[in-house]
C-alpha atoms as a PDB file:
ATOM      1  CA  MET A   1       0.000   0.000   0.000  1.00  0.00           C
ATOM      2  CA  PRO A   2       1.432   3.460  -0.937  1.00  0.00           C
ATOM      3  CA  ARG A   3       2.504   5.815   1.828  1.00  0.00           C
ATOM      4  CA  LYS A   4       0.764   9.134   2.488  1.00  0.00           C
ATOM      5  CA  GLY A   5       3.581  11.057   0.791  1.00  0.00           C
ATOM      6  CA  SER A   6       3.146   8.984  -2.376  1.00  0.00           C
ATOM      7  CA  TRP A   7      -0.567   9.829  -2.571  1.00  0.00           C
ATOM      8  CA  ALA A   8       0.218  13.501  -2.117  1.00  0.00           C
ATOM      9  CA  ALA A   9       2.696  13.315  -4.993  1.00  0.00           C
ATOM     10  CA  VAL A  10       0.128  11.574  -7.204  1.00  0.00           C
ATOM     11  CA  ILE A  11      -2.490  14.229  -6.406  1.00  0.00           C
ATOM     12  CA  ILE A  12      -0.028  17.068  -7.116  1.00  0.00           C
ATOM     13  CA  VAL A  13       1.055  15.536 -10.444  1.00  0.00           C
ATOM     14  CA  HIS A  14      -2.601  15.021 -11.426  1.00  0.00           C
ATOM     15  CA  TRP A  15      -3.435  18.638 -10.511  1.00  0.00           C
ATOM     16  CA  LEU A  16      -0.479  19.910 -12.581  1.00  0.00           C
ATOM     17  CA  LEU A  17      -1.571  17.845 -15.594  1.00  0.00           C
ATOM     18  CA  VAL A  18      -5.147  19.139 -15.351  1.00  0.00           C
ATOM     19  CA  ALA A  19      -3.920  22.745 -14.984  1.00  0.00           C
ATOM     20  CA  SER A  20      -1.589  22.447 -17.988  1.00  0.00           C
ATOM     21  CA  ALA A  21      -4.371  20.921 -20.098  1.00  0.00           C
ATOM     22  CA  ARG A  22      -6.644  23.857 -19.217  1.00  0.00           C
ATOM     23  CA  THR A  23      -3.866  26.309 -20.142  1.00  0.00           C
ATOM     24  CA  ALA A  24      -3.364  24.529 -23.478  1.00  0.00           C
ATOM     25  CA  ASP A  25      -7.113  24.683 -24.154  1.00  0.00           C
ATOM     26  CA  ALA A  26      -7.175  28.411 -23.336  1.00  0.00           C
ATOM     27  CA  SER A  27      -4.383  29.139 -25.810  1.00  0.00           C
ATOM     28  CA  ALA A  28      -6.331  27.268 -28.494  1.00  0.00           C
ATOM     29  CA  GLU A  29      -8.875  30.087 -28.550  1.00  0.00           C
ATOM     30  CA  PRO A  30      -8.284  33.122 -30.773  1.00  0.00           C
ATOM     31  CA  ARG A  31      -6.843  35.973 -28.723  1.00  0.00           C
ATOM     32  CA  GLN A  32      -7.475  39.691 -29.095  1.00  0.00           C
ATOM     33  CA  LEU A  33      -5.091  42.553 -28.412  1.00  0.00           C
ATOM     34  CA  ASN A  34      -6.158  46.182 -28.211  1.00  0.00           C
ATOM     35  CA  CYS A  35      -3.284  48.258 -29.539  1.00  0.00           C
ATOM     36  CA  VAL A  36      -2.680  51.998 -29.681  1.00  0.00           C
ATOM     37  CA  LEU A  37      -0.281  53.396 -32.255  1.00  0.00           C
ATOM     38  CA  THR A  38       1.334  56.460 -30.706  1.00  0.00           C
ATOM     39  CA  ASP A  39       4.414  57.201 -32.785  1.00  0.00           C
ATOM     40  CA  THR A  40       5.318  57.489 -36.427  1.00  0.00           C
ATOM     41  CA  GLU A  41       8.889  57.123 -37.595  1.00  0.00           C
ATOM     42  CA  ALA A  42       8.892  60.733 -38.801  1.00  0.00           C
ATOM     43  CA  LYS A  43       7.079  62.312 -35.817  1.00  0.00           C
ATOM     44  CA  PRO A  44       7.352  60.520 -32.436  1.00  0.00           C
ATOM     45  CA  GLY A  45       4.286  61.093 -30.232  1.00  0.00           C
ATOM     46  CA  SER A  46       2.264  62.295 -33.184  1.00  0.00           C
ATOM     47  CA  GLU A  47      -0.826  60.108 -32.988  1.00  0.00           C
ATOM     48  CA  SER A  48      -3.157  57.973 -30.923  1.00  0.00           C
ATOM     49  CA  ARG A  49      -4.840  55.455 -33.192  1.00  0.00           C
ATOM     50  CA  THR A  50      -6.464  52.208 -32.021  1.00  0.00           C
ATOM     51  CA  ILE A  51      -5.822  48.911 -33.817  1.00  0.00           C
ATOM     52  CA  ILE A  52      -7.524  45.660 -32.763  1.00  0.00           C
ATOM     53  CA  VAL A  53      -5.515  42.523 -33.544  1.00  0.00           C
ATOM     54  CA  VAL A  54      -7.001  39.011 -33.366  1.00  0.00           C
ATOM     55  CA  PHE A  55      -4.753  35.991 -33.782  1.00  0.00           C
ATOM     56  CA  ASP A  56      -5.203  32.245 -33.576  1.00  0.00           C
ATOM     57  CA  GLU A  57      -2.063  30.267 -32.731  1.00  0.00           C
ATOM     58  CA  ASN A  58      -3.463  26.915 -33.894  1.00  0.00           C
ATOM     59  CA  ALA A  59      -4.824  28.139 -37.221  1.00  0.00           C
ATOM     60  CA  LYS A  60      -1.859  30.535 -37.748  1.00  0.00           C
ATOM     61  CA  THR A  61      -4.235  33.341 -38.707  1.00  0.00           C
ATOM     62  CA  MET A  62      -4.282  37.031 -37.859  1.00  0.00           C
ATOM     63  CA  THR A  63      -6.638  39.903 -38.601  1.00  0.00           C
ATOM     64  CA  ALA A  64      -6.546  43.581 -37.692  1.00  0.00           C
ATOM     65  CA  LYS A  65      -9.204  46.243 -37.520  1.00  0.00           C
ATOM     66  CA  ASP A  66      -8.158  49.857 -38.017  1.00  0.00           C
ATOM     67  CA  GLY A  67     -11.265  51.987 -37.522  1.00  0.00           C
ATOM     68  CA  ASP A  68     -13.735  50.783 -40.135  1.00  0.00           C
ATOM     69  CA  LYS A  69     -11.063  48.964 -42.197  1.00  0.00           C
ATOM     70  CA  SER A  70     -10.357  45.264 -41.681  1.00  0.00           C
ATOM     71  CA  TYR A  71      -7.225  43.438 -42.785  1.00  0.00           C
ATOM     72  CA  SER A  72      -6.439  39.738 -43.095  1.00  0.00           C
ATOM     73  CA  PHE A  73      -2.842  38.626 -43.117  1.00  0.00           C
ATOM     74  CA  ASN A  74      -1.836  35.663 -45.247  1.00  0.00           C
ATOM     75  CA  LYS A  75       1.810  35.450 -44.180  1.00  0.00           C
ATOM     76  CA  VAL A  76       1.557  34.768 -40.422  1.00  0.00           C
ATOM     77  CA  SER A  77       4.223  33.610 -37.986  1.00  0.00           C
ATOM     78  CA  ILE A  78       3.371  33.069 -34.316  1.00  0.00           C
ATOM     79  CA  SER A  79       5.994  31.974 -31.800  1.00  0.00           C
ATOM     80  CA  SER A  80       6.511  32.276 -28.063  1.00  0.00           C
ATOM     81  CA  VAL A  81       8.460  35.496 -28.734  1.00  0.00           C
ATOM     82  CA  ALA A  82       6.548  37.390 -31.422  1.00  0.00           C
ATOM     83  CA  ILE A  83       3.574  37.557 -33.764  1.00  0.00           C
ATOM     84  CA  ASN A  84       4.228  38.697 -37.331  1.00  0.00           C
ATOM     85  CA  GLY A  85       1.971  38.965 -40.331  1.00  0.00           C
ATOM     86  CA  GLY A  86       1.727  40.610 -43.681  1.00  0.00           C
ATOM     87  CA  ASN A  87      -0.260  41.075 -46.842  1.00  0.00           C
ATOM     88  CA  ASP A  88       0.352  43.051 -50.031  1.00  0.00           C
ATOM     89  CA  SER A  89       0.188  46.470 -48.349  1.00  0.00           C
ATOM     90  CA  ILE A  90       0.843  46.014 -44.600  1.00  0.00           C
ATOM     91  CA  THR A  91       3.189  44.212 -42.247  1.00  0.00           C
ATOM     92  CA  LEU A  92       2.511  43.918 -38.541  1.00  0.00           C
ATOM     93  CA  GLY A  93       4.769  42.724 -35.740  1.00  0.00           C
ATOM     94  CA  ILE A  94       4.123  42.376 -32.004  1.00  0.00           C
ATOM     95  CA  ASP A  95       6.798  41.568 -29.410  1.00  0.00           C
ATOM     96  CA  LEU A  96       5.052  39.334 -26.877  1.00  0.00           C
ATOM     97  CA  SER A  97       7.342  40.222 -23.959  1.00  0.00           C
ATOM     98  CA  SER A  98       6.682  43.983 -24.118  1.00  0.00           C
ATOM     99  CA  LEU A  99       3.524  43.941 -26.282  1.00  0.00           C
ATOM    100  CA  GLY A 100       5.138  46.590 -28.457  1.00  0.00           C
ATOM    101  CA  ILE A 101       3.693  46.814 -31.986  1.00  0.00           C
ATOM    102  CA  VAL A 102       5.136  47.905 -35.327  1.00  0.00           C
ATOM    103  CA  TRP A 103       2.700  48.653 -38.188  1.00  0.00           C
ATOM    104  CA  GLN A 104       4.088  49.332 -41.659  1.00  0.00           C
ATOM    105  CA  GLN A 105       2.014  50.380 -44.666  1.00  0.00           C
ATOM    106  CA  TYR A 106       3.418  50.291 -48.175  1.00  0.00           C
ATOM    107  CA  ALA A 107       2.378  52.640 -50.961  1.00  0.00           C
ATOM    108  CA  ALA A 108       3.830  52.965 -54.455  1.00  0.00           C
ATOM    109  CA  ASP A 109       6.271  55.688 -53.439  1.00  0.00           C
ATOM    110  CA  LYS A 110       6.647  55.452 -49.646  1.00  0.00           C
ATOM    111  CA  VAL A 111       6.585  53.285 -46.528  1.00  0.00           C
ATOM    112  CA  THR A 112       4.896  54.525 -43.342  1.00  0.00           C
ATOM    113  CA  THR A 113       6.101  53.005 -40.068  1.00  0.00           C
ATOM    114  CA  GLU A 114       4.100  53.391 -36.850  1.00  0.00           C
ATOM    115  CA  PHE A 115       4.828  52.153 -33.320  1.00  0.00           C
ATOM    116  CA  GLY A 116       2.762  51.592 -30.189  1.00  0.00           C
ATOM    117  CA  HIS A 117       1.739  49.177 -27.450  1.00  0.00           C
ATOM    118  CA  CYS A 118      -0.954  46.550 -26.976  1.00  0.00           C
ATOM    119  CA  GLN A 119      -2.985  45.124 -24.118  1.00  0.00           C
ATOM    120  CA  PRO A 120      -4.885  41.853 -24.013  1.00  0.00           C
ATOM    121  CA  THR A 121      -8.655  42.311 -24.130  1.00  0.00           C
ATOM    122  CA  GLY A 122      -9.998  42.754 -20.620  1.00  0.00           C
ATOM    123  CA  ALA A 123      -6.654  43.926 -19.205  1.00  0.00           C
ATOM    124  CA  PRO A 124      -6.849  46.881 -16.815  1.00  0.00           C
ATOM    125  CA  THR A 125      -5.912  50.221 -18.329  1.00  0.00           C
END
């Protein structure tokens, strides 16, 4: 018959497995970040524009909403360090440790680079 300490170890290991399974299930859901672009490359501190980014790690998809415009990104890379995506006219990168964002838009004769920060949906302001 197992000793009391052995049962405690079994219960702890079971609890850790259940908790990690719940965490894995939570990350399977698409996640939303509310981002504010505050700086342009040419004029730091020049704006305050909200971008909403939704990404799905499992499906490797990302979308962004900029006011009434919506963007889908077809070149998406999601790792434990960063989220990156692009399409024909925009690239987007988010550093997951600082939640800093870089938004670049490409036109025929110029590139506009904007910077800011994000917060997970429901995070305190």
